[in-house]
C-alpha atoms as a PDB file:
ATOM      1  CA  MET A   1      22.192  38.133   0.241  1.00  0.00           C
ATOM      2  CA  ILE A   2      23.207  34.336   0.471  1.00  0.00           C
ATOM      3  CA  GLY A   3      19.901  32.989   0.738  1.00  0.00           C
ATOM      4  CA  LEU A   4      18.458  34.385  -2.447  1.00  0.00           C
ATOM      5  CA  VAL A   5      21.117  34.064  -4.358  1.00  0.00           C
ATOM      6  CA  SER A   6      20.585  30.096  -3.074  1.00  0.00           C
ATOM      7  CA  ILE A   7      17.432  29.772  -3.984  1.00  0.00           C
ATOM      8  CA  GLY A   8      17.735  31.545  -7.212  1.00  0.00           C
ATOM      9  CA  LEU A   9      20.418  29.276  -8.247  1.00  0.00           C
ATOM     10  CA  LEU A  10      18.436  25.926  -6.751  1.00  0.00           C
ATOM     11  CA  ILE A  11      15.671  27.126  -9.298  1.00  0.00           C
ATOM     12  CA  VAL A  12      17.438  27.456 -12.286  1.00  0.00           C
ATOM     13  CA  LEU A  13      19.713  24.545 -11.707  1.00  0.00           C
ATOM     14  CA  SER A  14      16.619  22.515 -11.061  1.00  0.00           C
ATOM     15  CA  THR A  15      14.832  24.107 -14.580  1.00  0.00           C
ATOM     16  CA  ILE A  16      18.332  23.234 -16.475  1.00  0.00           C
ATOM     17  CA  ILE A  17      18.156  19.825 -14.845  1.00  0.00           C
ATOM     18  CA  ASP A  18      14.372  19.327 -15.965  1.00  0.00           C
ATOM     19  CA  ILE A  19      15.416  21.294 -20.004  1.00  0.00           C
ATOM     20  CA  VAL A  20      18.359  18.484 -20.004  1.00  0.00           C
ATOM     21  CA  TRP A  21      16.707  15.145 -18.508  1.00  0.00           C
ATOM     22  CA  THR A  22      13.374  16.230 -21.069  1.00  0.00           C
ATOM     23  CA  THR A  23      15.478  17.257 -24.284  1.00  0.00           C
ATOM     24  CA  LEU A  24      18.583  14.871 -24.274  1.00  0.00           C
ATOM     25  CA  TRP A  25      17.958  12.123 -22.197  1.00  0.00           C
ATOM     26  CA  VAL A  26      16.511   8.942 -24.537  1.00  0.00           C
ATOM     27  CA  GLU A  27      15.998   6.473 -21.440  1.00  0.00           C
ATOM     28  CA  GLY A  28      14.807   9.135 -19.025  1.00  0.00           C
ATOM     29  CA  GLY A  29      11.243  10.125 -19.927  1.00  0.00           C
ATOM     30  CA  ALA A  30      10.666  13.313 -18.511  1.00  0.00           C
ATOM     31  CA  GLY A  31      11.772  15.822 -16.224  1.00  0.00           C
ATOM     32  CA  PHE A  32      10.766  15.655 -12.811  1.00  0.00           C
ATOM     33  CA  ILE A  33       8.671  19.235 -13.099  1.00  0.00           C
ATOM     34  CA  THR A  34       8.108  18.637 -17.069  1.00  0.00           C
ATOM     35  CA  ASP A  35       6.183  15.458 -16.075  1.00  0.00           C
ATOM     36  CA  LYS A  36       3.924  16.804 -13.450  1.00  0.00           C
ATOM     37  CA  LEU A  37       3.080  19.662 -15.808  1.00  0.00           C
ATOM     38  CA  CYS A  38       1.671  17.255 -18.341  1.00  0.00           C
ATOM     39  CA  LYS A  39       0.054  14.374 -16.127  1.00  0.00           C
ATOM     40  CA  VAL A  40      -1.661  17.238 -14.177  1.00  0.00           C
ATOM     41  CA  THR A  41      -2.618  19.081 -17.252  1.00  0.00           C
ATOM     42  CA  TRP A  42      -3.729  15.980 -19.436  1.00  0.00           C
ATOM     43  CA  PHE A  43      -6.160  14.567 -16.046  1.00  0.00           C
ATOM     44  CA  VAL A  44      -7.828  18.014 -15.928  1.00  0.00           C
ATOM     45  CA  MET A  45      -8.146  18.189 -19.598  1.00  0.00           C
ATOM     46  CA  THR A  46      -9.792  14.985 -20.106  1.00  0.00           C
ATOM     47  CA  LYS A  47     -12.074  15.568 -16.537  1.00  0.00           C
ATOM     48  CA  ILE A  48     -13.316  19.182 -17.968  1.00  0.00           C
ATOM     49  CA  THR A  49     -13.966  18.001 -21.819  1.00  0.00           C
ATOM     50  CA  GLY A  50     -14.860  14.566 -21.053  1.00  0.00           C
ATOM     51  CA  LYS A  51     -15.142  12.655 -24.883  1.00  0.00           C
ATOM     52  CA  ASN A  52     -14.520  16.356 -26.618  1.00  0.00           C
ATOM     53  CA  ARG A  53     -12.420  15.359 -29.283  1.00  0.00           C
ATOM     54  CA  LYS A  54     -11.687  19.239 -31.065  1.00  0.00           C
ATOM     55  CA  VAL A  55     -10.534  20.198 -27.093  1.00  0.00           C
ATOM     56  CA  LEU A  56      -8.498  17.124 -26.764  1.00  0.00           C
ATOM     57  CA  ARG A  57      -6.392  17.473 -29.996  1.00  0.00           C
ATOM     58  CA  LEU A  58      -5.024  20.775 -28.038  1.00  0.00           C
ATOM     59  CA  ALA A  59      -3.654  19.129 -25.698  1.00  0.00           C
ATOM     60  CA  GLY A  60       0.035  18.283 -27.334  1.00  0.00           C
ATOM     61  CA  PRO A  61       0.720  21.800 -28.806  1.00  0.00           C
ATOM     62  CA  LEU A  62      -0.848  23.130 -25.539  1.00  0.00           C
ATOM     63  CA  LEU A  63       1.647  21.332 -23.340  1.00  0.00           C
ATOM     64  CA  LEU A  64       4.213  21.841 -25.395  1.00  0.00           C
ATOM     65  CA  ILE A  65       3.919  25.405 -25.236  1.00  0.00           C
ATOM     66  CA  SER A  66       2.879  25.482 -21.455  1.00  0.00           C
ATOM     67  CA  THR A  67       6.427  23.247 -20.948  1.00  0.00           C
ATOM     68  CA  LEU A  68       8.564  26.155 -22.805  1.00  0.00           C
ATOM     69  CA  LEU A  69       6.637  28.980 -21.100  1.00  0.00           C
ATOM     70  CA  MET A  70       7.244  27.054 -17.760  1.00  0.00           C
ATOM     71  CA  TRP A  71      11.241  26.977 -18.494  1.00  0.00           C
ATOM     72  CA  VAL A  72      10.726  30.502 -19.141  1.00  0.00           C
ATOM     73  CA  VAL A  73       9.272  31.557 -16.626  1.00  0.00           C
ATOM     74  CA  LEU A  74      11.788  29.151 -13.764  1.00  0.00           C
ATOM     75  CA  LEU A  75      14.947  30.282 -15.238  1.00  0.00           C
ATOM     76  CA  TRP A  76      13.453  34.213 -15.070  1.00  0.00           C
ATOM     77  CA  PHE A  77      12.378  33.899 -11.886  1.00  0.00           C
ATOM     78  CA  GLY A  78      14.716  31.735 -10.911  1.00  0.00           C
ATOM     79  CA  TRP A  79      17.498  34.738 -11.832  1.00  0.00           C
ATOM     80  CA  PHE A  80      15.370  37.613 -10.703  1.00  0.00           C
ATOM     81  CA  LEU A  81      16.004  36.328  -7.546  1.00  0.00           C
ATOM     82  CA  VAL A  82      19.722  35.752  -7.686  1.00  0.00           C
ATOM     83  CA  PHE A  83      19.678  39.452  -8.918  1.00  0.00           C
ATOM     84  CA  SER A  84      17.801  41.081  -6.164  1.00  0.00           C
ATOM     85  CA  ALA A  85      20.273  39.526  -3.472  1.00  0.00           C
ATOM     86  CA  SER A  86      21.716  42.439  -3.480  1.00  0.00           C
ATOM     87  CA  PRO A  87      20.976  46.245  -4.213  1.00  0.00           C
ATOM     88  CA  GLN A  88      24.292  46.744  -5.631  1.00  0.00           C
ATOM     89  CA  ALA A  89      24.312  43.260  -7.785  1.00  0.00           C
ATOM     90  CA  ILE A  90      23.476  45.939 -10.846  1.00  0.00           C
ATOM     91  CA  MET A  91      23.912  49.780 -11.428  1.00  0.00           C
ATOM     92  CA  ASN A  92      22.219  51.732 -13.959  1.00  0.00           C
ATOM     93  CA  THR A  93      25.245  52.962 -16.850  1.00  0.00           C
ATOM     94  CA  SER A  94      23.151  56.431 -17.798  1.00  0.00           C
ATOM     95  CA  ASN A  95      21.568  57.243 -14.175  1.00  0.00           C
ATOM     96  CA  PRO A  96      23.113  56.755 -11.183  1.00  0.00           C
ATOM     97  CA  GLN A  97      19.652  55.886  -9.126  1.00  0.00           C
ATOM     98  CA  ALA A  98      18.442  53.175  -7.124  1.00  0.00           C
ATOM     99  CA  ILE A  99      16.971  50.308  -8.912  1.00  0.00           C
ATOM    100  CA  SER A 100      14.044  48.962  -8.237  1.00  0.00           C
ATOM    101  CA  TRP A 101      12.283  45.522  -8.624  1.00  0.00           C
ATOM    102  CA  GLN A 102      11.022  46.090 -11.793  1.00  0.00           C
ATOM    103  CA  ASN A 103      14.660  47.093 -13.165  1.00  0.00           C
ATOM    104  CA  VAL A 104      15.651  43.933 -11.725  1.00  0.00           C
ATOM    105  CA  ILE A 105      13.174  41.730 -13.717  1.00  0.00           C
ATOM    106  CA  TYR A 106      13.815  43.700 -16.662  1.00  0.00           C
ATOM    107  CA  TYR A 107      17.851  43.218 -16.434  1.00  0.00           C
ATOM    108  CA  SER A 108      17.308  39.318 -16.033  1.00  0.00           C
ATOM    109  CA  GLY A 109      14.752  39.012 -18.680  1.00  0.00           C
ATOM    110  CA  TYR A 110      17.508  40.732 -21.052  1.00  0.00           C
ATOM    111  CA  THR A 111      20.351  39.078 -19.768  1.00  0.00           C
ATOM    112  CA  LEU A 112      18.354  35.609 -20.252  1.00  0.00           C
ATOM    113  CA  PHE A 113      17.173  36.329 -24.265  1.00  0.00           C
ATOM    114  CA  THR A 114      19.702  38.699 -25.384  1.00  0.00           C
ATOM    115  CA  LEU A 115      23.571  38.729 -25.061  1.00  0.00           C
ATOM    116  CA  GLY A 116      23.257  42.411 -24.494  1.00  0.00           C
ATOM    117  CA  LEU A 117      23.151  44.234 -21.226  1.00  0.00           C
ATOM    118  CA  GLY A 118      21.398  47.629 -21.993  1.00  0.00           C
ATOM    119  CA  ASP A 119      21.267  50.417 -19.800  1.00  0.00           C
ATOM    120  CA  TYR A 120      22.404  48.038 -17.223  1.00  0.00           C
ATOM    121  CA  SER A 121      25.276  46.176 -15.992  1.00  0.00           C
ATOM    122  CA  PRO A 122      26.632  44.190 -13.078  1.00  0.00           C
ATOM    123  CA  SER A 123      28.414  46.417 -10.785  1.00  0.00           C
ATOM    124  CA  GLY A 124      31.377  43.720 -10.204  1.00  0.00           C
ATOM    125  CA  PRO A 125      33.251  40.389 -10.391  1.00  0.00           C
ATOM    126  CA  TYR A 126      30.648  38.337  -9.023  1.00  0.00           C
ATOM    127  CA  TRP A 127      27.555  39.421 -10.402  1.00  0.00           C
ATOM    128  CA  GLN A 128      29.761  39.876 -13.903  1.00  0.00           C
ATOM    129  CA  LEU A 129      30.180  35.895 -13.835  1.00  0.00           C
ATOM    130  CA  LEU A 130      26.618  35.385 -12.667  1.00  0.00           C
ATOM    131  CA  THR A 131      25.423  37.503 -15.871  1.00  0.00           C
ATOM    132  CA  ALA A 132      27.694  35.492 -18.336  1.00  0.00           C
ATOM    133  CA  ILE A 133      25.662  32.265 -16.615  1.00  0.00           C
ATOM    134  CA  ALA A 134      22.287  33.914 -16.914  1.00  0.00           C
ATOM    135  CA  SER A 135      23.008  34.338 -20.443  1.00  0.00           C
ATOM    136  CA  GLY A 136      23.844  31.117 -20.937  1.00  0.00           C
ATOM    137  CA  THR A 137      21.317  29.692 -19.999  1.00  0.00           C
ATOM    138  CA  GLY A 138      19.234  31.797 -22.148  1.00  0.00           C
ATOM    139  CA  MET A 139      21.062  30.165 -24.883  1.00  0.00           C
ATOM    140  CA  LEU A 140      20.738  26.638 -23.646  1.00  0.00           C
ATOM    141  CA  PHE A 141      17.065  27.151 -23.190  1.00  0.00           C
ATOM    142  CA  PHE A 142      16.698  28.375 -27.201  1.00  0.00           C
ATOM    143  CA  THR A 143      19.144  25.533 -28.635  1.00  0.00           C
ATOM    144  CA  PHE A 144      17.365  22.857 -26.318  1.00  0.00           C
ATOM    145  CA  GLY A 145      13.715  24.329 -26.956  1.00  0.00           C
ATOM    146  CA  ALA A 146      13.955  24.799 -30.762  1.00  0.00           C
ATOM    147  CA  SER A 147      15.455  21.372 -31.454  1.00  0.00           C
ATOM    148  CA  TYR A 148      13.014  19.773 -29.145  1.00  0.00           C
ATOM    149  CA  ILE A 149       9.869  21.329 -30.844  1.00  0.00           C
ATOM    150  CA  ILE A 150      11.434  19.890 -34.310  1.00  0.00           C
ATOM    151  CA  SER A 151      11.603  16.193 -32.833  1.00  0.00           C
ATOM    152  CA  ILE A 152       8.269  16.202 -31.168  1.00  0.00           C
ATOM    153  CA  VAL A 153       6.478  17.347 -34.651  1.00  0.00           C
ATOM    154  CA  GLY A 154       8.478  14.916 -36.347  1.00  0.00           C
ATOM    155  CA  ALA A 155       7.500  11.895 -34.039  1.00  0.00           C
ATOM    156  CA  VAL A 156       4.131  12.524 -33.853  1.00  0.00           C
ATOM    157  CA  ILE A 157       4.297  12.519 -37.949  1.00  0.00           C
ATOM    158  CA  ASP A 158       5.670   9.195 -37.735  1.00  0.00           C
ATOM    159  CA  LYS A 159       3.222   8.111 -34.929  1.00  0.00           C
ATOM    160  CA  ARG A 160       0.167   8.652 -37.166  1.00  0.00           C
ATOM    161  CA  SER A 161       1.650   7.701 -40.240  1.00  0.00           C
ATOM    162  CA  PHE A 162       2.451   4.223 -38.465  1.00  0.00           C
ATOM    163  CA  SER A 163      -1.080   3.924 -37.484  1.00  0.00           C
ATOM    164  CA  SER A 164      -2.472   5.457 -41.214  1.00  0.00           C
ATOM    165  CA  SER A 165      -0.631   2.075 -42.218  1.00  0.00           C
ATOM    166  CA  ILE A 166      -2.230  -0.235 -40.316  1.00  0.00           C
ATOM    167  CA  SER A 167      -6.134   0.960 -40.464  1.00  0.00           C
ATOM    168  CA  GLU A 168      -5.311   1.169 -44.717  1.00  0.00           C
ATOM    169  CA  ILE A 169      -4.748  -2.918 -44.259  1.00  0.00           C
ATOM    170  CA  GLY A 170      -7.768  -3.088 -42.442  1.00  0.00           C
ATOM    171  CA  LYS A 171     -10.189  -1.343 -39.845  1.00  0.00           C
ATOM    172  CA  SER A 172     -10.886  -4.552 -37.849  1.00  0.00           C
ATOM    173  CA  SER A 173      -9.018  -7.264 -36.775  1.00  0.00           C
ATOM    174  CA  GLU A 174     -11.192  -9.586 -39.055  1.00  0.00           C
ATOM    175  CA  GLU A 175     -10.313  -7.302 -41.761  1.00  0.00           C
ATOM    176  CA  ILE A 176      -6.380  -7.740 -41.305  1.00  0.00           C
ATOM    177  CA  VAL A 177      -6.724 -11.558 -40.917  1.00  0.00           C
ATOM    178  CA  GLY A 178      -8.668 -11.446 -44.252  1.00  0.00           C
ATOM    179  CA  ALA A 179      -6.123  -9.496 -45.968  1.00  0.00           C
ATOM    180  CA  ALA A 180      -3.428 -11.617 -44.550  1.00  0.00           C
ATOM    181  CA  TRP A 181      -5.080 -14.752 -46.502  1.00  0.00           C
ATOM    182  CA  ASN A 182      -3.875 -15.852 -49.821  1.00  0.00           C
ATOM    183  CA  GLY A 183      -6.456 -18.857 -50.704  1.00  0.00           C
ATOM    184  CA  LYS A 184      -3.884 -21.181 -48.667  1.00  0.00           C
ATOM    185  CA  ASP A 185      -2.263 -19.496 -45.706  1.00  0.00           C
ATOM    186  CA  PHE A 186      -1.805 -16.697 -43.869  1.00  0.00           C
ATOM    187  CA  SER A 187       1.329 -15.684 -45.143  1.00  0.00           C
ATOM    188  CA  ASN A 188       0.246 -12.032 -47.066  1.00  0.00           C
ATOM    189  CA  ILE A 189       1.033 -10.692 -43.970  1.00  0.00           C
ATOM    190  CA  ASP A 190       4.567 -11.116 -43.830  1.00  0.00           C
ATOM    191  CA  LEU A 191       5.551  -8.525 -46.004  1.00  0.00           C
ATOM    192  CA  LEU A 192       3.750  -6.194 -43.649  1.00  0.00           C
ATOM    193  CA  LEU A 193       4.852  -7.674 -40.127  1.00  0.00           C
ATOM    194  CA  MET A 194       8.635  -6.971 -41.764  1.00  0.00           C
ATOM    195  CA  ASN A 195       7.992  -3.209 -42.890  1.00  0.00           C
ATOM    196  CA  LEU A 196       6.313  -2.501 -39.995  1.00  0.00           C
ATOM    197  CA  SER A 197       8.188  -4.213 -36.703  1.00  0.00           C
ATOM    198  CA  ASP A 198      11.231  -1.708 -37.623  1.00  0.00           C
ATOM    199  CA  ASN A 199       8.655   1.346 -37.721  1.00  0.00           C
ATOM    200  CA  LEU A 200       7.272   0.575 -34.220  1.00  0.00           C
ATOM    201  CA  SER A 201      10.236   0.004 -32.182  1.00  0.00           C
ATOM    202  CA  LYS A 202      11.514   3.666 -33.536  1.00  0.00           C
ATOM    203  CA  VAL A 203       7.972   5.031 -32.227  1.00  0.00           C
ATOM    204  CA  ALA A 204       8.625   3.339 -29.205  1.00  0.00           C
ATOM    205  CA  ILE A 205      11.889   4.604 -28.758  1.00  0.00           C
ATOM    206  CA  LYS A 206      10.558   7.874 -29.522  1.00  0.00           C
ATOM    207  CA  HIS A 207       7.700   8.067 -27.176  1.00  0.00           C
ATOM    208  CA  LYS A 208      10.275   7.189 -24.464  1.00  0.00           C
ATOM    209  CA  ALA A 209      12.669   9.651 -25.575  1.00  0.00           C
ATOM    210  CA  TYR A 210       9.636  12.716 -25.765  1.00  0.00           C
ATOM    211  CA  PRO A 211       7.213  12.271 -23.409  1.00  0.00           C
ATOM    212  CA  LEU A 212       4.607  15.196 -24.301  1.00  0.00           C
ATOM    213  CA  LEU A 213       4.379  12.691 -27.765  1.00  0.00           C
ATOM    214  CA  HIS A 214       1.923  10.676 -25.402  1.00  0.00           C
ATOM    215  CA  TYR A 215      -0.255  13.896 -25.122  1.00  0.00           C
ATOM    216  CA  TYR A 216      -0.615  14.328 -29.092  1.00  0.00           C
ATOM    217  CA  HIS A 217      -4.411  13.464 -29.341  1.00  0.00           C
ATOM    218  CA  THR A 218      -6.637  12.772 -32.714  1.00  0.00           C
ATOM    219  CA  SER A 219     -10.223  12.955 -33.396  1.00  0.00           C
ATOM    220  CA  ASP A 220      -9.236  10.465 -36.438  1.00  0.00           C
ATOM    221  CA  LYS A 221      -9.459   6.903 -35.274  1.00  0.00           C
ATOM    222  CA  LYS A 222      -7.545   5.350 -38.216  1.00  0.00           C
ATOM    223  CA  LYS A 223      -4.615   7.474 -36.808  1.00  0.00           C
ATOM    224  CA  THR A 224      -4.757   6.643 -33.153  1.00  0.00           C
ATOM    225  CA  MET A 225      -2.111   4.463 -31.922  1.00  0.00           C
ATOM    226  CA  SER A 226      -4.354   3.843 -28.805  1.00  0.00           C
ATOM    227  CA  LEU A 227      -7.097   2.361 -31.248  1.00  0.00           C
ATOM    228  CA  THR A 228      -4.875   0.763 -34.533  1.00  0.00           C
ATOM    229  CA  VAL A 229      -2.433  -0.824 -32.122  1.00  0.00           C
ATOM    230  CA  PRO A 230      -5.317  -3.133 -30.007  1.00  0.00           C
ATOM    231  CA  THR A 231      -6.761  -3.970 -33.505  1.00  0.00           C
ATOM    232  CA  LEU A 232      -3.474  -5.285 -34.985  1.00  0.00           C
ATOM    233  CA  ASP A 233      -2.208  -7.096 -31.756  1.00  0.00           C
ATOM    234  CA  ASP A 234      -6.209  -8.724 -32.408  1.00  0.00           C
ATOM    235  CA  ALA A 235      -5.230  -9.752 -35.386  1.00  0.00           C
ATOM    236  CA  LEU A 236      -1.784 -11.313 -34.633  1.00  0.00           C
ATOM    237  CA  SER A 237      -3.476 -13.178 -31.913  1.00  0.00           C
ATOM    238  CA  ILE A 238      -5.705 -14.446 -33.706  1.00  0.00           C
ATOM    239  CA  LEU A 239      -3.051 -15.462 -36.677  1.00  0.00           C
ATOM    240  CA  ALA A 240      -0.629 -16.968 -33.391  1.00  0.00           C
ATOM    241  CA  TYR A 241      -3.102 -18.743 -31.529  1.00  0.00           C
ATOM    242  CA  GLY A 242      -6.177 -19.013 -33.332  1.00  0.00           C
ATOM    243  CA  THR A 243      -5.539 -20.521 -36.443  1.00  0.00           C
ATOM    244  CA  GLU A 244      -4.028 -24.097 -37.680  1.00  0.00           C
ATOM    245  CA  GLU A 245      -0.507 -24.528 -37.540  1.00  0.00           C
ATOM    246  CA  LYS A 246      -0.523 -25.153 -41.515  1.00  0.00           C
ATOM    247  CA  ALA A 247      -1.948 -21.673 -42.522  1.00  0.00           C
ATOM    248  CA  LYS A 248      -0.078 -19.850 -39.914  1.00  0.00           C
ATOM    249  CA  PRO A 249       2.354 -16.941 -40.953  1.00  0.00           C
ATOM    250  CA  ASN A 250       6.022 -16.878 -40.966  1.00  0.00           C
ATOM    251  CA  PRO A 251       6.655 -17.276 -37.197  1.00  0.00           C
ATOM    252  CA  ILE A 252       9.573 -15.567 -36.933  1.00  0.00           C
ATOM    253  CA  LEU A 253       7.991 -12.572 -38.293  1.00  0.00           C
ATOM    254  CA  LEU A 254       4.916 -13.294 -36.135  1.00  0.00           C
ATOM    255  CA  LYS A 255       7.306 -13.165 -33.224  1.00  0.00           C
ATOM    256  CA  LYS A 256       9.443 -10.720 -34.104  1.00  0.00           C
ATOM    257  CA  PHE A 257       6.095  -7.949 -34.543  1.00  0.00           C
ATOM    258  CA  ARG A 258       4.420  -9.431 -31.417  1.00  0.00           C
ATOM    259  CA  ASN A 259       7.539  -8.496 -29.256  1.00  0.00           C
ATOM    260  CA  CYS A 260       7.688  -5.345 -30.394  1.00  0.00           C
ATOM    261  CA  VAL A 261       4.301  -4.282 -29.852  1.00  0.00           C
ATOM    262  CA  LYS A 262       4.731  -5.814 -26.331  1.00  0.00           C
ATOM    263  CA  ASP A 263       8.181  -3.593 -26.308  1.00  0.00           C
ATOM    264  CA  TYR A 264       5.721  -0.728 -27.124  1.00  0.00           C
ATOM    265  CA  LEU A 265       3.347  -1.395 -24.444  1.00  0.00           C
ATOM    266  CA  ASP A 266       6.055  -1.693 -21.833  1.00  0.00           C
ATOM    267  CA  VAL A 267       7.324   1.477 -22.756  1.00  0.00           C
ATOM    268  CA  LEU A 268       3.667   3.227 -22.395  1.00  0.00           C
ATOM    269  CA  GLU A 269       3.376   1.880 -18.984  1.00  0.00           C
ATOM    270  CA  GLU A 270       6.505   2.772 -17.642  1.00  0.00           C
ATOM    271  CA  THR A 271       6.082   6.288 -18.704  1.00  0.00           C
ATOM    272  CA  TYR A 272       2.512   7.114 -19.621  1.00  0.00           C
ATOM    273  CA  MET A 273      -0.172   4.917 -18.204  1.00  0.00           C
ATOM    274  CA  THR A 274      -1.273   2.072 -16.137  1.00  0.00           C
ATOM    275  CA  LYS A 275      -2.723  -1.142 -17.421  1.00  0.00           C
ATOM    276  CA  ALA A 276      -6.536  -1.789 -16.760  1.00  0.00           C
ATOM    277  CA  ASP A 277      -7.763  -3.892 -13.724  1.00  0.00           C
ATOM    278  CA  LYS A 278      -9.331  -6.062 -16.398  1.00  0.00           C
ATOM    279  CA  ALA A 279      -7.935  -7.736 -19.887  1.00  0.00           C
ATOM    280  CA  LEU A 280      -9.293  -6.724 -23.236  1.00  0.00           C
ATOM    281  CA  ALA A 281     -12.081  -8.988 -24.133  1.00  0.00           C
ATOM    282  CA  LEU A 282     -10.526 -11.347 -26.663  1.00  0.00           C
ATOM    283  CA  PRO A 283     -11.394 -11.283 -30.964  1.00  0.00           C
ATOM    284  CA  ASP A 284     -14.316 -12.930 -31.370  1.00  0.00           C
ATOM    285  CA  LEU A 285     -13.982 -15.478 -34.471  1.00  0.00           C
ATOM    286  CA  THR A 286     -17.211 -16.351 -35.330  1.00  0.00           C
ATOM    287  CA  GLY A 287     -17.318 -13.995 -38.627  1.00  0.00           C
ATOM    288  CA  LEU A 288     -13.591 -15.301 -39.839  1.00  0.00           C
ATOM    289  CA  ARG A 289     -14.754 -19.001 -38.985  1.00  0.00           C
ATOM    290  CA  LYS A 290     -18.359 -18.376 -41.658  1.00  0.00           C
ATOM    291  CA  LYS A 291     -16.308 -17.327 -44.126  1.00  0.00           C
ATOM    292  CA  GLY A 292     -14.182 -20.796 -43.930  1.00  0.00           C
ATOM    293  CA  TYR A 293     -10.981 -19.562 -42.588  1.00  0.00           C
ATOM    294  CA  PRO A 294      -8.833 -22.761 -40.980  1.00  0.00           C
ATOM    295  CA  LEU A 295      -9.201 -21.732 -37.319  1.00  0.00           C
ATOM    296  CA  VAL A 296      -9.082 -23.957 -33.871  1.00  0.00           C
ATOM    297  CA  SER A 297     -12.293 -23.917 -31.949  1.00  0.00           C
ATOM    298  CA  ASP A 298     -13.270 -21.112 -29.430  1.00  0.00           C
ATOM    299  CA  ALA A 299     -12.108 -23.284 -26.587  1.00  0.00           C
ATOM    300  CA  ASP A 300      -8.605 -24.082 -27.856  1.00  0.00           C
ATOM    301  CA  PHE A 301      -8.200 -20.089 -28.872  1.00  0.00           C
ATOM    302  CA  SER A 302      -9.331 -19.282 -25.456  1.00  0.00           C
ATOM    303  CA  LYS A 303      -6.949 -21.630 -23.372  1.00  0.00           C
ATOM    304  CA  LYS A 304      -4.027 -20.707 -25.404  1.00  0.00           C
ATOM    305  CA  MET A 305      -4.870 -16.755 -24.961  1.00  0.00           C
ATOM    306  CA  GLN A 306      -4.594 -17.225 -20.910  1.00  0.00           C
ATOM    307  CA  HIS A 307      -1.060 -16.444 -20.129  1.00  0.00           C
ATOM    308  CA  GLN A 308      -1.998 -13.296 -22.464  1.00  0.00           C
ATOM    309  CA  LYS A 309      -3.782 -11.580 -19.835  1.00  0.00           C
ATOM    310  CA  GLU A 310      -1.112  -8.973 -19.097  1.00  0.00           C
ATOM    311  CA  ARG A 311      -0.729  -8.129 -22.212  1.00  0.00           C
ATOM    312  CA  ARG A 312      -4.408  -7.230 -22.664  1.00  0.00           C
ATOM    313  CA  GLN A 313      -4.526  -5.355 -19.393  1.00  0.00           C
ATOM    314  CA  GLN A 314      -1.981  -3.436 -20.941  1.00  0.00           C
ATOM    315  CA  LEU A 315      -3.678  -3.016 -24.386  1.00  0.00           C
ATOM    316  CA  LEU A 316      -6.827  -1.679 -22.112  1.00  0.00           C
ATOM    317  CA  GLY A 317      -4.964   0.548 -20.556  1.00  0.00           C
ATOM    318  CA  PHE A 318      -3.495   2.337 -23.419  1.00  0.00           C
ATOM    319  CA  VAL A 319      -7.227   2.525 -25.051  1.00  0.00           C
ATOM    320  CA  LEU A 320      -8.360   3.969 -21.559  1.00  0.00           C
ATOM    321  CA  LYS A 321      -5.542   6.647 -20.877  1.00  0.00           C
ATOM    322  CA  ASP A 322      -5.876   8.042 -24.175  1.00  0.00           C
ATOM    323  CA  ASN A 323      -9.538   8.462 -23.418  1.00  0.00           C
ATOM    324  CA  TRP A 324     -11.308   5.845 -26.142  1.00  0.00           C
ATOM    325  CA  THR A 325     -13.278   2.631 -25.052  1.00  0.00           C
ATOM    326  CA  ALA A 326     -12.709  -0.784 -26.083  1.00  0.00           C
ATOM    327  CA  GLU A 327     -15.875  -0.466 -28.222  1.00  0.00           C
ATOM    328  CA  ASP A 328     -13.674   2.322 -30.193  1.00  0.00           C
ATOM    329  CA  ILE A 329     -11.542  -0.088 -31.279  1.00  0.00           C
ATOM    330  CA  GLU A 330     -13.846  -2.118 -33.591  1.00  0.00           C
ATOM    331  CA  LYS A 331     -15.318   0.910 -34.917  1.00  0.00           C
ATOM    332  CA  LEU A 332     -12.107   2.327 -36.755  1.00  0.00           C
ATOM    333  CA  LYS A 333     -15.228   2.739 -39.949  1.00  0.00           C
END
């Protein structure tokens, strides 16, 4: 008896910790069980489907549903073990016959999902207390589960809205740099940096708070942060290290936004992806140079970008983890 009760309560407690960890702990990422489920499911789907974007678009909703179902099954199974520990734990109020294991499954689920007891009731104060606790865990699951769904959907919308804001400025780093040029310098991008830096910081926090957000894949490149963020970062690298001093945009805004991008990549590396073995190739300045923009030489640009290797490894790791390739970055059109 004690063994089954202990195992059942351990399963219930582990599930509750996973639920609270995943839904409420902003700094903690996903709970251990949820984290393993997401990573294994994403790995299997990418291996089986390859580059099938239509299937990968289902990954996010599938993982959200799977997570909720996993919590239900674990809670239900845990309480089933608890109430199976003794044949006297539950009694039939309408018929004094022996309780079968099917009746225990029914009672455990009924207690978990409703506030009533139906045809069965606990036979003593000890089992009455456990029944009340079981009902409480059900209420906890529904409350946290509903709020988590709303939070995830809202975060997905914010994430794709941010990506669209970038792609509307330019679908390549060259286009973004060109849009920043006002005839004398690149200060046209100052307002963009001011408006988007706070938005990116919020997206980064939501990625850490809601790890399932990582797995919401889209086939629309213009709404994919794993492509638009590297594209924008290439443009910012050109503006920070590839242009002449007199033509650079506001250095404070540029530094702030580049730091926001780095913080975002650090969050992703901590909760979702690993940096690539090699760095993302440097953006090509040839096309911009032909348009007459005041740029430094390729040698100077390459030298100044040497200390950005780790950052560009993170960028490429982000691209690859989301099942894209480096070539896709310059193909947003």
